Amino acid sequence: MKIFNLENMIIDILGRNRVARKDDHMLYIEVCSDINPNCLDNFMEAFKYRKEFGLPSFESVSRARRKVQEKYPEFLEEKKIRNNNSPILVSFGNISHCWYN
């Protein structure tokens, strides 16, 4: 896989998955899933034989994420400023939790 293809894939993933913007492990799982959805059935085997599955190295994905975020700051992790009375909302997929200070 060429780096520009990986970068385009990462731009797409970072656009739809905010957790992947700050978590290389989540990003790597998303990249692997996009390339070969069957590899997630046995991730240990896929990681061990990543070249046979056509998967990039973890380091390549991490490096490409940093490069994309440098070019496109809108894909950086969002930092929210809040006061002591504001709720804290955490969302992962379809699950959301809200806490108050």
PDB file of N, CA and C in Angstrom:
ATOM      1  N   MET A   1       0.840  -1.171   0.000  1.00  0.00           N
ATOM      2  CA  MET A   1       0.000   0.000   0.000  1.00  0.00           C
ATOM      3  C   MET A   1       0.888   1.238   0.000  1.00  0.00           C
ATOM      4  N   LYS A   2       0.612   2.170  -0.890  1.00  0.00           N
ATOM      5  CA  LYS A   2       1.393   3.389  -0.958  1.00  0.00           C
ATOM      6  C   LYS A   2       0.918   4.369   0.101  1.00  0.00           C
ATOM      7  N   ILE A   3       1.814   5.236   0.530  1.00  0.00           N
ATOM      8  CA  ILE A   3       1.517   6.150   1.631  1.00  0.00           C
ATOM      9  C   ILE A   3       0.356   7.083   1.308  1.00  0.00           C
ATOM     10  N   PHE A   4       0.215   7.530   0.048  1.00  0.00           N
ATOM     11  CA  PHE A   4      -0.894   8.440  -0.249  1.00  0.00           C
ATOM     12  C   PHE A   4      -2.229   7.731  -0.134  1.00  0.00           C
ATOM     13  N   ASN A   5      -2.300   6.450  -0.444  1.00  0.00           N
ATOM     14  CA  ASN A   5      -3.538   5.701  -0.244  1.00  0.00           C
ATOM     15  C   ASN A   5      -3.840   5.571   1.248  1.00  0.00           C
ATOM     16  N   LEU A   6      -2.823   5.326   2.038  1.00  0.00           N
ATOM     17  CA  LEU A   6      -2.993   5.216   3.479  1.00  0.00           C
ATOM     18  C   LEU A   6      -3.454   6.545   4.058  1.00  0.00           C
ATOM     19  N   GLU A   7      -2.884   7.632   3.598  1.00  0.00           N
ATOM     20  CA  GLU A   7      -3.292   8.955   4.082  1.00  0.00           C
ATOM     21  C   GLU A   7      -4.750   9.235   3.744  1.00  0.00           C
ATOM     22  N   ASN A   8      -5.181   8.914   2.537  1.00  0.00           N
ATOM     23  CA  ASN A   8      -6.580   9.124   2.162  1.00  0.00           C
ATOM     24  C   ASN A   8      -7.508   8.284   3.028  1.00  0.00           C
ATOM     25  N   MET A   9      -7.114   7.060   3.319  1.00  0.00           N
ATOM     26  CA  MET A   9      -7.909   6.197   4.174  1.00  0.00           C
ATOM     27  C   MET A   9      -7.994   6.784   5.588  1.00  0.00           C
ATOM     28  N   ILE A  10      -6.892   7.315   6.085  1.00  0.00           N
ATOM     29  CA  ILE A  10      -6.859   7.880   7.430  1.00  0.00           C
ATOM     30  C   ILE A  10      -7.705   9.154   7.497  1.00  0.00           C
ATOM     31  N   ILE A  11      -7.671   9.965   6.456  1.00  0.00           N
ATOM     32  CA  ILE A  11      -8.534  11.153   6.421  1.00  0.00           C
ATOM     33  C   ILE A  11      -9.992  10.736   6.548  1.00  0.00           C
ATOM     34  N   ASP A  12     -10.383   9.713   5.818  1.00  0.00           N
ATOM     35  CA  ASP A  12     -11.758   9.212   5.881  1.00  0.00           C
ATOM     36  C   ASP A  12     -12.099   8.699   7.284  1.00  0.00           C
ATOM     37  N   ILE A  13     -11.202   7.926   7.878  1.00  0.00           N
ATOM     38  CA  ILE A  13     -11.450   7.361   9.212  1.00  0.00           C
ATOM     39  C   ILE A  13     -11.517   8.459  10.269  1.00  0.00           C
ATOM     40  N   LEU A  14     -10.592   9.400  10.239  1.00  0.00           N
ATOM     41  CA  LEU A  14     -10.592  10.479  11.231  1.00  0.00           C
ATOM     42  C   LEU A  14     -11.838  11.348  11.111  1.00  0.00           C
ATOM     43  N   GLY A  15     -12.394  11.419   9.911  1.00  0.00           N
ATOM     44  CA  GLY A  15     -13.628  12.172   9.714  1.00  0.00           C
ATOM     45  C   GLY A  15     -14.833  11.506  10.352  1.00  0.00           C
ATOM     46  N   ARG A  16     -14.826  10.193  10.438  1.00  0.00           N
ATOM     47  CA  ARG A  16     -15.991   9.484  10.979  1.00  0.00           C
ATOM     48  C   ARG A  16     -15.776   8.927  12.384  1.00  0.00           C
ATOM     49  N   ASN A  17     -14.536   8.891  12.875  1.00  0.00           N
ATOM     50  CA  ASN A  17     -14.263   8.294  14.185  1.00  0.00           C
ATOM     51  C   ASN A  17     -13.377   9.240  14.992  1.00  0.00           C
ATOM     52  N   ARG A  18     -13.990   9.986  15.899  1.00  0.00           N
ATOM     53  CA  ARG A  18     -13.255  10.976  16.696  1.00  0.00           C
ATOM     54  C   ARG A  18     -12.290  10.323  17.677  1.00  0.00           C
ATOM     55  N   VAL A  19     -12.577   9.125  18.136  1.00  0.00           N
ATOM     56  CA  VAL A  19     -11.672   8.434  19.061  1.00  0.00           C
ATOM     57  C   VAL A  19     -10.354   8.120  18.366  1.00  0.00           C
ATOM     58  N   ALA A  20     -10.412   7.784  17.089  1.00  0.00           N
ATOM     59  CA  ALA A  20      -9.206   7.447  16.331  1.00  0.00           C
ATOM     60  C   ALA A  20      -8.278   8.648  16.154  1.00  0.00           C
ATOM     61  N   ARG A  21      -8.777   9.850  16.380  1.00  0.00           N
ATOM     62  CA  ARG A  21      -7.948  11.052  16.258  1.00  0.00           C
ATOM     63  C   ARG A  21      -6.864  11.103  17.326  1.00  0.00           C
ATOM     64  N   LYS A  22      -7.098  10.437  18.447  1.00  0.00           N
ATOM     65  CA  LYS A  22      -6.116  10.475  19.529  1.00  0.00           C
ATOM     66  C   LYS A  22      -5.612   9.098  19.929  1.00  0.00           C
ATOM     67  N   ASP A  23      -6.163   8.043  19.358  1.00  0.00           N
ATOM     68  CA  ASP A  23      -5.817   6.682  19.755  1.00  0.00           C
ATOM     69  C   ASP A  23      -5.345   5.888  18.540  1.00  0.00           C
ATOM     70  N   ASP A  24      -4.032   5.687  18.445  1.00  0.00           N
ATOM     71  CA  ASP A  24      -3.479   4.953  17.304  1.00  0.00           C
ATOM     72  C   ASP A  24      -3.969   3.509  17.242  1.00  0.00           C
ATOM     73  N   HIS A  25      -4.273   2.913  18.385  1.00  0.00           N
ATOM     74  CA  HIS A  25      -4.765   1.533  18.380  1.00  0.00           C
ATOM     75  C   HIS A  25      -6.139   1.452  17.720  1.00  0.00           C
ATOM     76  N   MET A  26      -7.023   2.378  18.068  1.00  0.00           N
ATOM     77  CA  MET A  26      -8.345   2.420  17.442  1.00  0.00           C
ATOM     78  C   MET A  26      -8.208   2.711  15.953  1.00  0.00           C
ATOM     79  N   LEU A  27      -7.327   3.628  15.607  1.00  0.00           N
ATOM     80  CA  LEU A  27      -7.099   3.953  14.203  1.00  0.00           C
ATOM     81  C   LEU A  27      -6.594   2.730  13.448  1.00  0.00           C
ATOM     82  N   TYR A  28      -5.665   1.982  14.038  1.00  0.00           N
ATOM     83  CA  TYR A  28      -5.122   0.797  13.371  1.00  0.00           C
ATOM     84  C   TYR A  28      -6.210  -0.253  13.145  1.00  0.00           C
ATOM     85  N   ILE A  29      -7.068  -0.447  14.132  1.00  0.00           N
ATOM     86  CA  ILE A  29      -8.166  -1.406  13.972  1.00  0.00           C
ATOM     87  C   ILE A  29      -9.084  -0.974  12.835  1.00  0.00           C
ATOM     88  N   GLU A  30      -9.382   0.326  12.750  1.00  0.00           N
ATOM     89  CA  GLU A  30     -10.231   0.837  11.675  1.00  0.00           C
ATOM     90  C   GLU A  30      -9.568   0.654  10.301  1.00  0.00           C
ATOM     91  N   VAL A  31      -8.264   0.942  10.219  1.00  0.00           N
ATOM     92  CA  VAL A  31      -7.537   0.764   8.955  1.00  0.00           C
ATOM     93  C   VAL A  31      -7.579  -0.698   8.534  1.00  0.00           C
ATOM     94  N   CYS A  32      -7.280  -1.595   9.467  1.00  0.00           N
ATOM     95  CA  CYS A  32      -7.293  -3.027   9.158  1.00  0.00           C
ATOM     96  C   CYS A  32      -8.675  -3.475   8.715  1.00  0.00           C
ATOM     97  N   SER A  33      -9.700  -2.984   9.393  1.00  0.00           N
ATOM     98  CA  SER A  33     -11.069  -3.341   9.053  1.00  0.00           C
ATOM     99  C   SER A  33     -11.447  -2.854   7.661  1.00  0.00           C
ATOM    100  N   ASP A  34     -10.990  -1.643   7.304  1.00  0.00           N
ATOM    101  CA  ASP A  34     -11.286  -1.112   5.970  1.00  0.00           C
ATOM    102  C   ASP A  34     -10.568  -1.899   4.876  1.00  0.00           C
ATOM    103  N   ILE A  35      -9.344  -2.328   5.141  1.00  0.00           N
ATOM    104  CA  ILE A  35      -8.565  -3.063   4.137  1.00  0.00           C
ATOM    105  C   ILE A  35      -9.058  -4.493   3.988  1.00  0.00           C
ATOM    106  N   ASN A  36      -9.260  -5.145   5.128  1.00  0.00           N
ATOM    107  CA  ASN A  36      -9.645  -6.555   5.095  1.00  0.00           C
ATOM    108  C   ASN A  36     -10.517  -6.864   6.313  1.00  0.00           C
ATOM    109  N   PRO A  37     -11.841  -6.729   6.203  1.00  0.00           N
ATOM    110  CA  PRO A  37     -12.731  -6.945   7.352  1.00  0.00           C
ATOM    111  C   PRO A  37     -12.583  -8.323   7.991  1.00  0.00           C
ATOM    112  N   ASN A  38     -12.175  -9.323   7.228  1.00  0.00           N
ATOM    113  CA  ASN A  38     -12.023 -10.676   7.776  1.00  0.00           C
ATOM    114  C   ASN A  38     -10.858 -10.802   8.738  1.00  0.00           C
ATOM    115  N   CYS A  39      -9.905  -9.880   8.672  1.00  0.00           N
ATOM    116  CA  CYS A  39      -8.730  -9.990   9.531  1.00  0.00           C
ATOM    117  C   CYS A  39      -9.068  -9.785  10.999  1.00  0.00           C
ATOM    118  N   LEU A  40     -10.196  -9.131  11.286  1.00  0.00           N
ATOM    119  CA  LEU A  40     -10.561  -8.874  12.676  1.00  0.00           C
ATOM    120  C   LEU A  40     -11.121 -10.110  13.370  1.00  0.00           C
ATOM    121  N   ASP A  41     -11.444 -11.148  12.604  1.00  0.00           N
ATOM    122  CA  ASP A  41     -11.914 -12.397  13.210  1.00  0.00           C
ATOM    123  C   ASP A  41     -10.842 -13.006  14.102  1.00  0.00           C
ATOM    124  N   ASN A  42      -9.610 -12.923  13.673  1.00  0.00           N
ATOM    125  CA  ASN A  42      -8.489 -13.425  14.468  1.00  0.00           C
ATOM    126  C   ASN A  42      -7.368 -12.396  14.355  1.00  0.00           C
ATOM    127  N   PHE A  43      -7.463 -11.374  15.178  1.00  0.00           N
ATOM    128  CA  PHE A  43      -6.544 -10.249  15.057  1.00  0.00           C
ATOM    129  C   PHE A  43      -5.098 -10.638  15.332  1.00  0.00           C
ATOM    130  N   MET A  44      -4.879 -11.606  16.212  1.00  0.00           N
ATOM    131  CA  MET A  44      -3.515 -12.045  16.508  1.00  0.00           C
ATOM    132  C   MET A  44      -2.858 -12.627  15.253  1.00  0.00           C
ATOM    133  N   GLU A  45      -3.588 -13.441  14.523  1.00  0.00           N
ATOM    134  CA  GLU A  45      -3.052 -14.008  13.277  1.00  0.00           C
ATOM    135  C   GLU A  45      -2.838 -12.911  12.234  1.00  0.00           C
ATOM    136  N   ALA A  46      -3.784 -11.983  12.167  1.00  0.00           N
ATOM    137  CA  ALA A  46      -3.665 -10.889  11.205  1.00  0.00           C
ATOM    138  C   ALA A  46      -2.452 -10.030  11.511  1.00  0.00           C
ATOM    139  N   PHE A  47      -2.207  -9.772  12.795  1.00  0.00           N
ATOM    140  CA  PHE A  47      -1.053  -8.964  13.185  1.00  0.00           C
ATOM    141  C   PHE A  47       0.240  -9.715  12.893  1.00  0.00           C
ATOM    142  N   LYS A  48       0.233 -11.013  13.135  1.00  0.00           N
ATOM    143  CA  LYS A  48       1.416 -11.835  12.911  1.00  0.00           C
ATOM    144  C   LYS A  48       1.739 -11.947  11.414  1.00  0.00           C
ATOM    145  N   TYR A  49       0.697 -12.083  10.604  1.00  0.00           N
ATOM    146  CA  TYR A  49       0.877 -12.255   9.157  1.00  0.00           C
ATOM    147  C   TYR A  49       0.306 -11.056   8.399  1.00  0.00           C
ATOM    148  N   ARG A  50       0.599  -9.859   8.891  1.00  0.00           N
ATOM    149  CA  ARG A  50      -0.006  -8.657   8.329  1.00  0.00           C
ATOM    150  C   ARG A  50       0.285  -8.472   6.842  1.00  0.00           C
ATOM    151  N   LYS A  51       1.471  -8.871   6.390  1.00  0.00           N
ATOM    152  CA  LYS A  51       1.799  -8.698   4.966  1.00  0.00           C
ATOM    153  C   LYS A  51       0.912  -9.582   4.096  1.00  0.00           C
ATOM    154  N   GLU A  52       0.644 -10.794   4.562  1.00  0.00           N
ATOM    155  CA  GLU A  52      -0.225 -11.696   3.808  1.00  0.00           C
ATOM    156  C   GLU A  52      -1.662 -11.163   3.749  1.00  0.00           C
ATOM    157  N   PHE A  53      -2.079 -10.441   4.796  1.00  0.00           N
ATOM    158  CA  PHE A  53      -3.409  -9.840   4.816  1.00  0.00           C
ATOM    159  C   PHE A  53      -3.428  -8.507   4.077  1.00  0.00           C
ATOM    160  N   GLY A  54      -2.260  -8.009   3.669  1.00  0.00           N
ATOM    161  CA  GLY A  54      -2.168  -6.728   2.970  1.00  0.00           C
ATOM    162  C   GLY A  54      -2.309  -5.529   3.887  1.00  0.00           C
ATOM    163  N   LEU A  55      -1.918  -5.696   5.174  1.00  0.00           N
ATOM    164  CA  LEU A  55      -2.079  -4.632   6.161  1.00  0.00           C
ATOM    165  C   LEU A  55      -0.784  -3.847   6.335  1.00  0.00           C
ATOM    166  N   PRO A  56      -0.884  -2.536   6.562  1.00  0.00           N
ATOM    167  CA  PRO A  56       0.316  -1.734   6.815  1.00  0.00           C
ATOM    168  C   PRO A  56       0.825  -1.980   8.231  1.00  0.00           C
ATOM    169  N   SER A  57       2.036  -1.565   8.504  1.00  0.00           N
ATOM    170  CA  SER A  57       2.565  -1.688   9.855  1.00  0.00           C
ATOM    171  C   SER A  57       1.898  -0.665  10.768  1.00  0.00           C
ATOM    172  N   PHE A  58       1.898  -0.956  12.063  1.00  0.00           N
ATOM    173  CA  PHE A  58       1.336  -0.029  13.050  1.00  0.00           C
ATOM    174  C   PHE A  58       2.052   1.312  12.974  1.00  0.00           C
ATOM    175  N   GLU A  59       3.372   1.271  12.815  1.00  0.00           N
ATOM    176  CA  GLU A  59       4.165   2.497  12.754  1.00  0.00           C
ATOM    177  C   GLU A  59       3.783   3.357  11.556  1.00  0.00           C
ATOM    178  N   SER A  60       3.515   2.716  10.408  1.00  0.00           N
ATOM    179  CA  SER A  60       3.108   3.468   9.215  1.00  0.00           C
ATOM    180  C   SER A  60       1.790   4.189   9.439  1.00  0.00           C
ATOM    181  N   VAL A  61       0.848   3.520  10.101  1.00  0.00           N
ATOM    182  CA  VAL A  61      -0.453   4.125  10.382  1.00  0.00           C
ATOM    183  C   VAL A  61      -0.277   5.311  11.336  1.00  0.00           C
ATOM    184  N   SER A  62       0.507   5.121  12.383  1.00  0.00           N
ATOM    185  CA  SER A  62       0.750   6.187  13.352  1.00  0.00           C
ATOM    186  C   SER A  62       1.424   7.390  12.698  1.00  0.00           C
ATOM    187  N   ARG A  63       2.414   7.117  11.884  1.00  0.00           N
ATOM    188  CA  ARG A  63       3.145   8.190  11.191  1.00  0.00           C
ATOM    189  C   ARG A  63       2.221   8.923  10.214  1.00  0.00           C
ATOM    190  N   ALA A  64       1.392   8.180   9.492  1.00  0.00           N
ATOM    191  CA  ALA A  64       0.473   8.802   8.539  1.00  0.00           C
ATOM    192  C   ALA A  64      -0.574   9.657   9.258  1.00  0.00           C
ATOM    193  N   ARG A  65      -1.048   9.204  10.443  1.00  0.00           N
ATOM    194  CA  ARG A  65      -2.000  10.003  11.218  1.00  0.00           C
ATOM    195  C   ARG A  65      -1.390  11.343  11.599  1.00  0.00           C
ATOM    196  N   ARG A  66      -0.165  11.320  12.094  1.00  0.00           N
ATOM    197  CA  ARG A  66       0.498  12.576  12.478  1.00  0.00           C
ATOM    198  C   ARG A  66       0.667  13.498  11.271  1.00  0.00           C
ATOM    199  N   LYS A  67       1.004  12.923  10.129  1.00  0.00           N
ATOM    200  CA  LYS A  67       1.197  13.709   8.910  1.00  0.00           C
ATOM    201  C   LYS A  67      -0.130  14.329   8.459  1.00  0.00           C
ATOM    202  N   VAL A  68      -1.207  13.545   8.503  1.00  0.00           N
ATOM    203  CA  VAL A  68      -2.527  14.051   8.128  1.00  0.00           C
ATOM    204  C   VAL A  68      -2.960  15.158   9.085  1.00  0.00           C
ATOM    205  N   GLN A  69      -2.762  14.946  10.392  1.00  0.00           N
ATOM    206  CA  GLN A  69      -3.170  15.957  11.365  1.00  0.00           C
ATOM    207  C   GLN A  69      -2.338  17.233  11.250  1.00  0.00           C
ATOM    208  N   GLU A  70      -1.116  17.107  10.799  1.00  0.00           N
ATOM    209  CA  GLU A  70      -0.288  18.300  10.569  1.00  0.00           C
ATOM    210  C   GLU A  70      -0.820  19.097   9.381  1.00  0.00           C
ATOM    211  N   LYS A  71      -1.230  18.390   8.312  1.00  0.00           N
ATOM    212  CA  LYS A  71      -1.768  19.048   7.120  1.00  0.00           C
ATOM    213  C   LYS A  71      -3.181  19.575   7.346  1.00  0.00           C
ATOM    214  N   TYR A  72      -3.980  18.816   8.097  1.00  0.00           N
ATOM    215  CA  TYR A  72      -5.392  19.131   8.308  1.00  0.00           C
ATOM    216  C   TYR A  72      -5.683  19.223   9.808  1.00  0.00           C
ATOM    217  N   PRO A  73      -5.488  20.386  10.415  1.00  0.00           N
ATOM    218  CA  PRO A  73      -5.673  20.527  11.867  1.00  0.00           C
ATOM    219  C   PRO A  73      -7.090  20.222  12.337  1.00  0.00           C
ATOM    220  N   GLU A  74      -8.069  20.238  11.432  1.00  0.00           N
ATOM    221  CA  GLU A  74      -9.437  19.920  11.846  1.00  0.00           C
ATOM    222  C   GLU A  74      -9.570  18.471  12.323  1.00  0.00           C
ATOM    223  N   PHE A  75      -8.570  17.640  12.030  1.00  0.00           N
ATOM    224  CA  PHE A  75      -8.591  16.247  12.481  1.00  0.00           C
ATOM    225  C   PHE A  75      -7.804  16.032  13.770  1.00  0.00           C
ATOM    226  N   LEU A  76      -7.374  17.118  14.408  1.00  0.00           N
ATOM    227  CA  LEU A  76      -6.709  16.990  15.701  1.00  0.00           C
ATOM    228  C   LEU A  76      -7.734  16.638  16.766  1.00  0.00           C
ATOM    229  N   GLU A  77      -7.257  16.081  17.870  1.00  0.00           N
ATOM    230  CA  GLU A  77      -8.124  15.774  19.002  1.00  0.00           C
ATOM    231  C   GLU A  77      -8.762  17.064  19.500  1.00  0.00           C
ATOM    232  N   GLU A  78     -10.050  17.010  19.756  1.00  0.00           N
ATOM    233  CA  GLU A  78     -10.759  18.195  20.228  1.00  0.00           C
ATOM    234  C   GLU A  78     -10.516  18.391  21.710  1.00  0.00           C
ATOM    235  N   LYS A  79     -10.131  19.594  22.065  1.00  0.00           N
ATOM    236  CA  LYS A  79      -9.950  19.967  23.469  1.00  0.00           C
ATOM    237  C   LYS A  79     -11.118  20.877  23.833  1.00  0.00           C
ATOM    238  N   LYS A  80     -11.881  20.487  24.825  1.00  0.00           N
ATOM    239  CA  LYS A  80     -13.027  21.286  25.229  1.00  0.00           C
ATOM    240  C   LYS A  80     -12.723  21.981  26.544  1.00  0.00           C
ATOM    241  N   ILE A  81     -13.021  23.256  26.581  1.00  0.00           N
ATOM    242  CA  ILE A  81     -12.855  24.039  27.798  1.00  0.00           C
ATOM    243  C   ILE A  81     -14.217  24.069  28.474  1.00  0.00           C
ATOM    244  N   ARG A  82     -14.248  23.751  29.756  1.00  0.00           N
ATOM    245  CA  ARG A  82     -15.518  23.723  30.464  1.00  0.00           C
ATOM    246  C   ARG A  82     -15.332  24.358  31.837  1.00  0.00           C
ATOM    247  N   ASN A  83     -16.438  24.859  32.400  1.00  0.00           N
ATOM    248  CA  ASN A  83     -16.374  25.375  33.760  1.00  0.00           C
ATOM    249  C   ASN A  83     -16.835  24.275  34.719  1.00  0.00           C
ATOM    250  N   ASN A  84     -16.796  24.537  36.010  1.00  0.00           N
ATOM    251  CA  ASN A  84     -17.091  23.501  37.005  1.00  0.00           C
ATOM    252  C   ASN A  84     -18.542  23.051  37.008  1.00  0.00           C
ATOM    253  N   ASN A  85     -19.474  23.828  36.441  1.00  0.00           N
ATOM    254  CA  ASN A  85     -20.886  23.465  36.458  1.00  0.00           C
ATOM    255  C   ASN A  85     -21.355  22.810  35.166  1.00  0.00           C
ATOM    256  N   SER A  86     -20.490  22.687  34.183  1.00  0.00           N
ATOM    257  CA  SER A  86     -20.924  22.154  32.907  1.00  0.00           C
ATOM    258  C   SER A  86     -20.851  20.629  32.902  1.00  0.00           C
ATOM    259  N   PRO A  87     -21.747  19.992  32.143  1.00  0.00           N
ATOM    260  CA  PRO A  87     -21.705  18.535  32.070  1.00  0.00           C
ATOM    261  C   PRO A  87     -20.528  18.056  31.241  1.00  0.00           C
ATOM    262  N   ILE A  88     -20.105  16.848  31.513  1.00  0.00           N
ATOM    263  CA  ILE A  88     -19.050  16.193  30.742  1.00  0.00           C
ATOM    264  C   ILE A  88     -19.726  15.092  29.955  1.00  0.00           C
ATOM    265  N   LEU A  89     -19.663  15.159  28.641  1.00  0.00           N
ATOM    266  CA  LEU A  89     -20.293  14.165  27.786  1.00  0.00           C
ATOM    267  C   LEU A  89     -19.216  13.362  27.093  1.00  0.00           C
ATOM    268  N   VAL A  90     -19.286  12.042  27.240  1.00  0.00           N
ATOM    269  CA  VAL A  90     -18.344  11.143  26.599  1.00  0.00           C
ATOM    270  C   VAL A  90     -19.143  10.203  25.716  1.00  0.00           C
ATOM    271  N   SER A  91     -18.795  10.121  24.441  1.00  0.00           N
ATOM    272  CA  SER A  91     -19.520   9.258  23.502  1.00  0.00           C
ATOM    273  C   SER A  91     -18.563   8.321  22.790  1.00  0.00           C
ATOM    274  N   PHE A  92     -18.953   7.069  22.703  1.00  0.00           N
ATOM    275  CA  PHE A  92     -18.246   6.066  21.923  1.00  0.00           C
ATOM    276  C   PHE A  92     -19.290   5.321  21.114  1.00  0.00           C
ATOM    277  N   GLY A  93     -19.306   5.558  19.822  1.00  0.00           N
ATOM    278  CA  GLY A  93     -20.308   4.902  18.974  1.00  0.00           C
ATOM    279  C   GLY A  93     -21.706   5.353  19.356  1.00  0.00           C
ATOM    280  N   ASN A  94     -22.573   4.397  19.663  1.00  0.00           N
ATOM    281  CA  ASN A  94     -23.944   4.704  20.019  1.00  0.00           C
ATOM    282  C   ASN A  94     -24.155   4.868  21.520  1.00  0.00           C
ATOM    283  N   ILE A  95     -23.084   4.795  22.309  1.00  0.00           N
ATOM    284  CA  ILE A  95     -23.187   4.856  23.755  1.00  0.00           C
ATOM    285  C   ILE A  95     -22.675   6.210  24.240  1.00  0.00           C
ATOM    286  N   SER A  96     -23.484   6.903  25.023  1.00  0.00           N
ATOM    287  CA  SER A  96     -23.085   8.192  25.580  1.00  0.00           C
ATOM    288  C   SER A  96     -23.296   8.183  27.078  1.00  0.00           C
ATOM    289  N   HIS A  97     -22.396   8.825  27.791  1.00  0.00           N
ATOM    290  CA  HIS A  97     -22.505   8.975  29.239  1.00  0.00           C
ATOM    291  C   HIS A  97     -22.333  10.451  29.554  1.00  0.00           C
ATOM    292  N   CYS A  98     -23.103  10.932  30.526  1.00  0.00           N
ATOM    293  CA  CYS A  98     -23.028  12.341  30.913  1.00  0.00           C
ATOM    294  C   CYS A  98     -22.812  12.410  32.424  1.00  0.00           C
ATOM    295  N   TRP A  99     -21.822  13.192  32.829  1.00  0.00           N
ATOM    296  CA  TRP A  99     -21.540  13.395  34.240  1.00  0.00           C
ATOM    297  C   TRP A  99     -21.587  14.884  34.523  1.00  0.00           C
ATOM    298  N   TYR A 100     -21.969  15.242  35.758  1.00  0.00           N
ATOM    299  CA  TYR A 100     -21.949  16.631  36.187  1.00  0.00           C
ATOM    300  C   TYR A 100     -20.953  16.770  37.324  1.00  0.00           C
ATOM    301  N   ASN A 101     -20.274  17.906  37.358  1.00  0.00           N
ATOM    302  CA  ASN A 101     -19.311  18.177  38.445  1.00  0.00           C
ATOM    303  C   ASN A 101     -20.034  18.501  39.721  1.00  0.00           C
TER     304      ASN A 101
END
